[in-house]
């Protein structure tokens, strides 16, 4: 079932985001080394998923290609899960493991969505399918946090990488039950890209704003777990903090169509960037665990609102025949921003510290906000009108 695949896929994402950076930190790796390893996926995501999509479309066996790359991601991560002692502290091994995992993993989400869309055409509701991924994220974050217990020193052990490896294995096993050709994956042609960027200034503004916003998310995506560790919070509270954010994200995703019916898309995007700036500023100054955890509910705006409004704006500004290309451009833009942000924060984490990084991220959110406000004020074609209703 695609629901089980989503459950394990995003369970692995949760472990990788919440606990793996702190695990690597506990093994003695620097912020720059951790960022270099975690930048593998967004850098590869700039091109590799299109290769897997091309293979799936060419063979018309999206299910078989997904099974192959799910196995590859699980196998590629194995060195990180089963290394012991001094070998586990080898940066070469960490880079090799992340590279072997990421070259396959970056294609899994797109092919899974292709199979899910095929089910939607048969009458399923995508939101209900995709919510299993959010459930897997919350379950993994809470469970691994509870297994680690109150002892941060346990991060040095094999629990975290083996939990991620097990979740990837679960995704592979779940993929074996999938069948079908799925929806054709996006394969933008250069001529299509040029036409869209030339004719749709609203899309250009969205791509710039999206890249800037994703760069500002880098301190959270890479170092928030490390940040909570350095504050002395037990791992279970890290899981709770991420679970609060993902739960808020689900609620926003479910409610977005009603908000979209009443509020302009550029207004919703601006609200997402303002809320994100407040969130990062709060991360920089708050020390009380309850307040810091509650603040993560703004993830519903940081990701849920941004992603929903971005996809809706693509639908409103891009011709139907090129919509897949527009969505692929949005994904590419945020991967560019994410890769740049991850590499940048790694160099400053050890010297400036997490509070300074979150403060910079808060100030940085003013840049995508300025892009949105510019488009609204300038009356860029389609951009300011895209979300208008009535």
Protein backbone atom coordinates (compact mmCIF):
# COMPACT_ATOMS: atom_id res chain seq x y z
CA UNK A 1 0.00 0.00 0.00
CA UNK A 2 1.17 3.51 -0.76
CA UNK A 3 0.08 4.53 2.75
CA UNK A 4 2.60 2.14 4.33
CA UNK A 5 5.31 3.34 1.97
CA UNK A 6 4.67 6.98 2.93
CA UNK A 7 4.66 5.99 6.62
CA UNK A 8 8.15 4.47 6.51
CA UNK A 9 9.56 6.96 4.00
CA UNK A 10 8.78 9.96 6.18
CA UNK A 11 9.69 8.03 9.29
CA UNK A 12 13.20 7.83 7.87
CA UNK A 13 13.06 11.56 7.09
CA UNK A 14 12.14 12.25 10.72
CA UNK A 15 15.07 10.27 12.12
CA UNK A 16 17.42 11.86 9.59
CA UNK A 17 16.30 15.37 10.46
CA UNK A 18 15.71 15.14 14.21
CA UNK A 19 18.45 12.84 15.42
CA UNK A 20 21.13 12.10 12.80
CA UNK A 21 22.81 15.55 12.97
CA UNK A 22 23.01 15.26 16.76
CA UNK A 23 24.33 11.70 16.41
CA UNK A 24 27.08 12.92 14.10
CA UNK A 25 27.82 15.79 16.48
CA UNK A 26 28.09 13.34 19.38
CA UNK A 27 30.63 11.34 17.36
CA UNK A 28 32.77 14.46 17.18
CA UNK A 29 32.11 15.80 13.68
CA UNK A 30 32.21 19.56 13.15
CA UNK A 31 29.33 21.67 11.95
CA UNK A 32 30.97 22.04 8.54
CA UNK A 33 31.36 18.26 8.20
CA UNK A 34 27.74 17.63 9.20
CA UNK A 35 26.54 20.20 6.68
CA UNK A 36 28.68 18.69 3.93
CA UNK A 37 27.12 15.27 4.53
CA UNK A 38 23.55 16.54 4.74
CA UNK A 39 24.01 18.71 1.64
CA UNK A 40 24.37 15.57 -0.48
CA UNK A 41 20.63 15.10 -0.91
CA UNK A 42 19.65 18.65 -1.98
CA UNK A 43 22.64 18.87 -4.32
CA UNK A 44 21.80 15.56 -5.99
CA UNK A 45 18.11 16.54 -6.07
CA UNK A 46 18.96 19.21 -8.64
CA UNK A 47 19.23 16.58 -11.37
CA UNK A 48 19.15 12.95 -10.21
CA UNK A 49 15.34 12.68 -9.65
CA UNK A 50 14.78 13.59 -13.30
CA UNK A 51 16.95 10.64 -14.27
CA UNK A 52 14.89 8.24 -12.18
CA UNK A 53 11.70 9.83 -13.54
CA UNK A 54 12.96 9.41 -17.11
CA UNK A 55 13.68 5.73 -16.46
CA UNK A 56 10.23 5.21 -14.93
CA UNK A 57 8.49 6.93 -17.84
CA UNK A 58 10.62 5.14 -20.41
CA UNK A 59 9.89 1.69 -18.99
CA UNK A 60 6.36 2.61 -17.81
CA UNK A 61 7.17 0.69 -14.62
CA UNK A 62 7.15 3.34 -11.94
CA UNK A 63 6.59 0.62 -9.36
CA UNK A 64 9.69 -1.38 -10.33
CA UNK A 65 11.90 1.71 -10.48
CA UNK A 66 10.63 2.81 -7.06
CA UNK A 67 11.35 -0.64 -5.64
CA UNK A 68 14.87 -0.51 -7.08
CA UNK A 69 15.75 2.90 -5.68
CA UNK A 70 14.10 2.12 -2.31
CA UNK A 71 16.41 -0.89 -2.05
CA UNK A 72 19.36 1.26 -3.16
CA UNK A 73 18.69 3.89 -0.47
CA UNK A 74 18.42 1.20 2.21
CA UNK A 75 21.59 -0.53 1.04
CA UNK A 76 23.47 2.75 0.56
CA UNK A 77 22.80 3.81 4.14
CA UNK A 78 23.95 0.46 5.56
CA UNK A 79 27.59 1.50 6.21
CA UNK A 80 26.38 4.24 8.57
CA UNK A 81 24.09 1.83 10.42
CA UNK A 82 26.59 -0.97 10.96
CA UNK A 83 29.92 0.79 11.42
CA UNK A 84 31.51 0.30 14.84
CA UNK A 85 34.07 2.07 16.96
CA UNK A 86 36.66 4.11 15.11
CA UNK A 87 35.09 3.32 11.73
CA UNK A 88 31.90 5.10 12.77
CA UNK A 89 33.95 8.25 13.37
CA UNK A 90 35.39 8.26 9.85
CA UNK A 91 34.21 11.27 7.88
CA UNK A 92 34.96 9.41 4.64
CA UNK A 93 32.52 6.69 5.69
CA UNK A 94 29.85 9.27 6.57
CA UNK A 95 30.19 10.97 3.17
CA UNK A 96 30.16 7.61 1.39
CA UNK A 97 27.06 6.47 3.28
CA UNK A 98 25.16 9.69 2.67
CA UNK A 99 26.13 9.73 -1.01
CA UNK A 100 25.12 6.10 -1.51
CA UNK A 101 21.82 6.74 0.24
CA UNK A 102 20.99 10.11 -1.31
CA UNK A 103 21.55 9.18 -4.96
CA UNK A 104 18.59 6.80 -4.63
CA UNK A 105 16.54 8.51 -1.93
CA UNK A 106 16.06 11.78 -3.84
CA UNK A 107 13.92 9.98 -6.42
CA UNK A 108 11.62 8.14 -4.01
CA UNK A 109 9.18 10.93 -3.15
CA UNK A 110 8.44 11.90 -6.74
CA UNK A 111 7.79 8.35 -7.90
CA UNK A 112 5.63 7.65 -4.85
CA UNK A 113 3.58 10.77 -5.62
CA UNK A 114 3.21 9.57 -9.22
CA UNK A 115 1.68 6.30 -8.00
CA UNK A 116 -0.47 8.19 -5.49
CA UNK A 117 -1.82 10.49 -8.22
CA UNK A 118 -2.81 7.41 -10.21
CA UNK A 119 -4.86 6.28 -7.21
CA UNK A 120 -6.37 9.75 -6.87
CA UNK A 121 -7.58 9.50 -10.47
CA UNK A 122 -9.27 6.27 -9.44
CA UNK A 123 -11.15 8.07 -6.66
CA UNK A 124 -8.74 8.26 -3.70
CA UNK A 125 -8.08 11.51 -1.78
CA UNK A 126 -4.43 12.54 -1.94
CA UNK A 127 -4.47 14.31 1.41
CA UNK A 128 -5.58 11.13 3.14
CA UNK A 129 -2.82 9.13 1.47
CA UNK A 130 -0.12 11.69 2.21
CA UNK A 131 -1.17 12.08 5.85
CA UNK A 132 0.28 8.62 6.51
CA UNK A 133 3.67 10.16 5.84
CA UNK A 134 3.08 12.82 8.47
CA UNK A 135 1.93 10.11 10.87
CA UNK A 136 5.13 8.18 10.20
CA UNK A 137 7.18 11.32 10.83
CA UNK A 138 5.53 11.94 14.20
CA UNK A 139 5.70 8.27 15.23
CA UNK A 140 9.41 7.97 14.41
CA UNK A 141 10.32 11.24 16.14
CA UNK A 142 8.52 10.29 19.35
CA UNK A 143 9.59 6.63 19.36
CA UNK A 144 13.30 7.19 18.76
CA UNK A 145 13.30 10.04 21.28
CA UNK A 146 11.72 7.76 23.87
CA UNK A 147 14.19 4.93 23.11
CA UNK A 148 17.11 7.30 23.57
CA UNK A 149 15.66 8.29 26.94
CA UNK A 150 17.07 11.16 28.99
CA UNK A 151 20.70 10.30 28.30
CA UNK A 152 22.18 12.38 25.49
CA UNK A 153 25.33 10.24 25.61
CA UNK A 154 23.34 7.42 24.02
CA UNK A 155 23.47 9.43 20.79
CA UNK A 156 26.97 8.06 20.26
CA UNK A 157 25.60 4.54 19.94
CA UNK A 158 24.08 2.79 16.92
CA UNK A 159 20.40 3.38 17.81
CA UNK A 160 19.85 6.47 15.64
CA UNK A 161 21.47 5.29 12.37
CA UNK A 162 19.93 1.83 12.74
CA UNK A 163 16.49 3.35 13.31
CA UNK A 164 16.86 5.32 10.07
CA UNK A 165 18.16 2.21 8.29
CA UNK A 166 15.19 0.19 9.59
CA UNK A 167 12.72 2.83 8.38
CA UNK A 168 14.34 2.78 4.93
CA UNK A 169 14.08 -1.00 4.98
CA UNK A 170 10.40 -0.70 5.87
CA UNK A 171 9.89 1.62 2.90
CA UNK A 172 11.56 -0.92 0.61
CA UNK A 173 9.38 -3.76 1.89
CA UNK A 174 6.26 -1.63 1.52
CA UNK A 175 7.27 -0.75 -2.05
CA UNK A 176 7.12 -4.43 -3.00
CA UNK A 177 3.31 -4.31 -2.65
CA UNK A 178 2.97 -1.37 -5.08
CA UNK A 179 2.00 -1.75 -8.71
CA UNK A 180 1.13 0.48 -11.62
CA UNK A 181 2.64 2.99 -13.99
CA UNK A 182 1.65 6.11 -12.09
CA UNK A 183 1.47 9.63 -13.40
CA UNK A 184 4.13 10.71 -15.86
CA UNK A 185 6.89 12.42 -13.88
CA UNK A 186 8.00 15.94 -14.72
CA UNK A 187 10.77 16.15 -17.31
CA UNK A 188 11.08 19.83 -18.17
CA UNK A 189 12.56 20.61 -21.56
CA UNK A 190 14.90 23.54 -21.89
CA UNK A 191 12.55 25.30 -24.31
CA UNK A 192 9.67 24.97 -21.83
CA UNK A 193 11.79 26.39 -19.02
CA UNK A 194 12.83 29.35 -21.11
CA UNK A 195 9.26 30.05 -22.16
CA UNK A 196 7.94 29.95 -18.61
CA UNK A 197 10.64 32.17 -17.18
CA UNK A 198 10.26 34.67 -20.02
CA UNK A 199 6.46 34.83 -20.00
CA UNK A 200 5.60 34.36 -16.32
CA UNK A 201 7.22 37.01 -14.08
CA UNK A 202 5.06 35.78 -11.21
CA UNK A 203 6.71 32.39 -11.44
CA UNK A 204 10.15 34.02 -11.46
CA UNK A 205 9.32 35.87 -8.25
CA UNK A 206 8.03 32.68 -6.62
CA UNK A 207 11.23 30.80 -7.52
CA UNK A 208 13.42 33.54 -6.05
CA UNK A 209 11.31 33.80 -2.89
CA UNK A 210 11.22 30.01 -2.50
CA UNK A 211 15.00 29.65 -2.81
CA UNK A 212 15.58 32.42 -0.25
CA UNK A 213 13.04 30.95 2.17
CA UNK A 214 14.51 27.46 1.94
CA UNK A 215 17.99 28.83 2.59
CA UNK A 216 16.64 30.45 5.77
CA UNK A 217 15.30 27.05 6.85
CA UNK A 218 18.78 25.49 6.85
CA UNK A 219 19.55 26.13 10.56
CA UNK A 220 16.33 24.28 11.44
CA UNK A 221 16.64 21.48 8.88
CA UNK A 222 20.21 20.64 9.90
CA UNK A 223 20.94 21.88 13.39
CA UNK A 224 17.70 22.16 15.36
CA UNK A 225 18.21 18.74 16.95
CA UNK A 226 21.81 19.67 17.77
CA UNK A 227 20.53 22.98 19.17
CA UNK A 228 18.11 21.20 21.51
CA UNK A 229 20.90 18.84 22.56
CA UNK A 230 23.18 21.75 23.38
CA UNK A 231 20.39 23.28 25.49
CA UNK A 232 20.44 20.10 27.57
CA UNK A 233 16.97 18.88 26.58
CA UNK A 234 16.41 15.10 26.55
CA UNK A 235 15.88 13.43 23.15
CA UNK A 236 12.20 12.71 23.84
CA UNK A 237 11.57 16.47 23.87
CA UNK A 238 13.30 16.80 20.50
CA UNK A 239 10.79 14.35 19.12
CA UNK A 240 7.93 16.24 20.72
CA UNK A 241 9.14 19.53 19.25
CA UNK A 242 9.28 18.12 15.72
CA UNK A 243 5.96 16.31 16.22
CA UNK A 244 4.29 19.60 17.18
CA UNK A 245 5.58 21.15 13.96
CA UNK A 246 4.47 18.29 11.71
CA UNK A 247 1.04 18.17 13.35
CA UNK A 248 0.58 21.90 12.66
CA UNK A 249 1.77 21.30 9.11
CA UNK A 250 -0.95 18.65 8.62
CA UNK A 251 -3.65 20.97 9.91
CA UNK A 252 -2.60 23.76 7.55
CA UNK A 253 -2.45 21.40 4.58
CA UNK A 254 -5.97 20.19 5.33
CA UNK A 255 -7.36 23.71 5.81
CA UNK A 256 -5.53 25.40 2.95
CA UNK A 257 -8.28 25.07 0.34
CA UNK A 258 -10.64 27.01 2.61
CA UNK A 259 -8.08 29.75 3.26
CA UNK A 260 -7.26 29.93 -0.44
CA UNK A 261 -10.92 30.57 -1.20
CA UNK A 262 -10.87 33.71 0.95
CA UNK A 263 -7.33 35.10 0.86
CA UNK A 264 -4.96 36.01 -1.98
CA UNK A 265 -2.02 33.69 -2.56
CA UNK A 266 0.56 36.45 -2.29
CA UNK A 267 -0.94 37.39 1.08
CA UNK A 268 -0.68 33.78 2.27
CA UNK A 269 2.95 33.59 1.15
CA UNK A 270 3.76 36.86 2.90
CA UNK A 271 2.13 35.52 6.08
CA UNK A 272 4.25 32.36 5.84
CA UNK A 273 7.47 34.39 5.66
CA UNK A 274 6.47 36.71 8.51
CA UNK A 275 5.56 33.73 10.72
CA UNK A 276 8.86 32.06 9.83
CA UNK A 277 10.81 35.17 10.80
CA UNK A 278 9.05 35.21 14.18
CA UNK A 279 9.75 31.51 14.62
CA UNK A 280 13.47 31.81 13.93
CA UNK A 281 13.72 34.88 16.17
CA UNK A 282 12.02 32.93 18.95
CA UNK A 283 14.42 30.01 18.46
CA UNK A 284 17.30 32.47 18.87
CA UNK A 285 16.16 33.87 22.22
CA UNK A 286 13.92 31.33 23.97
CA UNK A 287 15.39 28.97 26.54
CA UNK A 288 12.29 27.61 28.31
CA UNK A 289 11.58 24.14 26.86
CA UNK A 290 7.77 24.52 26.87
CA UNK A 291 7.91 27.85 25.03
CA UNK A 292 10.47 26.58 22.52
CA UNK A 293 8.42 23.46 21.77
CA UNK A 294 5.17 25.42 21.44
CA UNK A 295 6.86 27.82 19.03
CA UNK A 296 7.44 24.98 16.57
CA UNK A 297 3.71 25.00 15.79
CA UNK A 298 4.64 27.81 13.39
CA UNK A 299 6.03 25.06 11.15
CA UNK A 300 2.50 24.93 9.84
CA UNK A 301 3.21 28.33 8.27
CA UNK A 302 6.92 27.80 7.54
CA UNK A 303 6.31 24.70 5.45
CA UNK A 304 2.60 23.92 5.20
CA UNK A 305 1.46 27.38 4.12
CA UNK A 306 4.49 28.10 1.96
CA UNK A 307 4.29 24.79 0.08
CA UNK A 308 0.51 24.88 -0.40
CA UNK A 309 0.50 28.49 -1.60
CA UNK A 310 3.53 27.88 -3.83
CA UNK A 311 1.92 24.91 -5.57
CA UNK A 312 -1.34 26.86 -5.94
CA UNK A 313 0.51 29.82 -7.43
CA UNK A 314 2.20 27.53 -9.94
CA UNK A 315 -1.24 26.23 -10.91
CA UNK A 316 -2.56 29.80 -11.27
CA UNK A 317 0.31 31.20 -13.33
CA UNK A 318 1.50 28.28 -15.48
CA UNK A 319 -0.45 26.96 -18.49
CA UNK A 320 -1.90 23.48 -17.86
CA UNK A 321 0.34 21.89 -20.49
CA UNK A 322 3.45 23.12 -18.68
CA UNK A 323 2.28 22.76 -15.09
CA UNK A 324 4.54 19.79 -14.35
CA UNK A 325 7.48 21.84 -15.61
CA UNK A 326 6.49 24.73 -13.34
CA UNK A 327 6.33 22.44 -10.32
CA UNK A 328 9.70 20.92 -11.21
CA UNK A 329 11.17 24.43 -11.36
CA UNK A 330 9.82 25.20 -7.90
CA UNK A 331 11.35 22.03 -6.47
CA UNK A 332 14.66 22.82 -8.17
CA UNK A 333 14.66 26.38 -6.79
CA UNK A 334 14.12 25.28 -3.20
CA UNK A 335 16.80 22.61 -3.55
CA UNK A 336 19.24 25.27 -4.74
CA UNK A 337 18.36 27.45 -1.75
CA UNK A 338 18.54 24.48 0.60
CA UNK A 339 21.96 23.36 -0.62
CA UNK A 340 23.41 26.86 -0.35
CA UNK A 341 21.89 27.36 3.10
CA UNK A 342 23.07 24.00 4.46
CA UNK A 343 26.64 24.53 3.27
CA UNK A 344 26.67 28.08 4.65
CA UNK A 345 25.37 27.32 8.13
CA UNK A 346 27.81 24.48 8.65
CA UNK A 347 30.75 26.85 8.42
CA UNK A 348 29.28 29.20 11.02
CA UNK A 349 27.68 26.83 13.53
CA UNK A 350 30.88 26.10 15.43
CA UNK A 351 31.97 29.74 15.66
CA UNK A 352 28.76 31.78 15.78
CA UNK A 353 26.52 29.26 17.52
CA UNK A 354 22.90 28.27 16.81
CA UNK A 355 21.29 31.36 18.36
CA UNK A 356 23.20 33.63 15.98
CA UNK A 357 22.28 31.42 13.02
CA UNK A 358 18.58 31.55 13.87
CA UNK A 359 18.81 35.33 14.27
CA UNK A 360 20.34 35.58 10.81
CA UNK A 361 17.61 33.30 9.43
CA UNK A 362 14.95 35.55 10.99
CA UNK A 363 16.45 38.58 9.28
CA UNK A 364 16.87 36.59 6.09
CA UNK A 365 13.12 35.90 5.87
CA UNK A 366 12.68 39.60 5.13
CA UNK A 367 14.18 38.94 1.69
CA UNK A 368 11.47 36.56 0.37
CA UNK A 369 8.89 38.80 2.04
CA UNK A 370 10.30 41.77 0.09
CA UNK A 371 10.07 39.75 -3.15
CA UNK A 372 6.39 39.01 -2.54
CA UNK A 373 5.59 42.60 -1.58
CA UNK A 374 7.42 43.85 -4.66
CA UNK A 375 5.32 41.61 -6.90
CA UNK A 376 2.13 42.78 -5.24
CA UNK A 377 3.02 46.46 -5.43
CA UNK A 378 4.32 46.29 -8.99
CA UNK A 379 1.21 44.45 -10.15
CA UNK A 380 3.28 41.78 -11.88
CA UNK A 381 1.13 39.94 -14.39
CA UNK A 382 -0.85 37.11 -12.74
CA UNK A 383 1.18 37.29 -9.54
CA UNK A 384 -0.93 39.80 -7.61
CA UNK A 385 -4.18 38.47 -9.06
CA UNK A 386 -3.47 34.76 -8.78
CA UNK A 387 -5.11 34.25 -5.42
CA UNK A 388 -7.95 36.71 -5.82
CA UNK A 389 -11.42 35.36 -5.23
CA UNK A 390 -14.72 37.02 -6.01
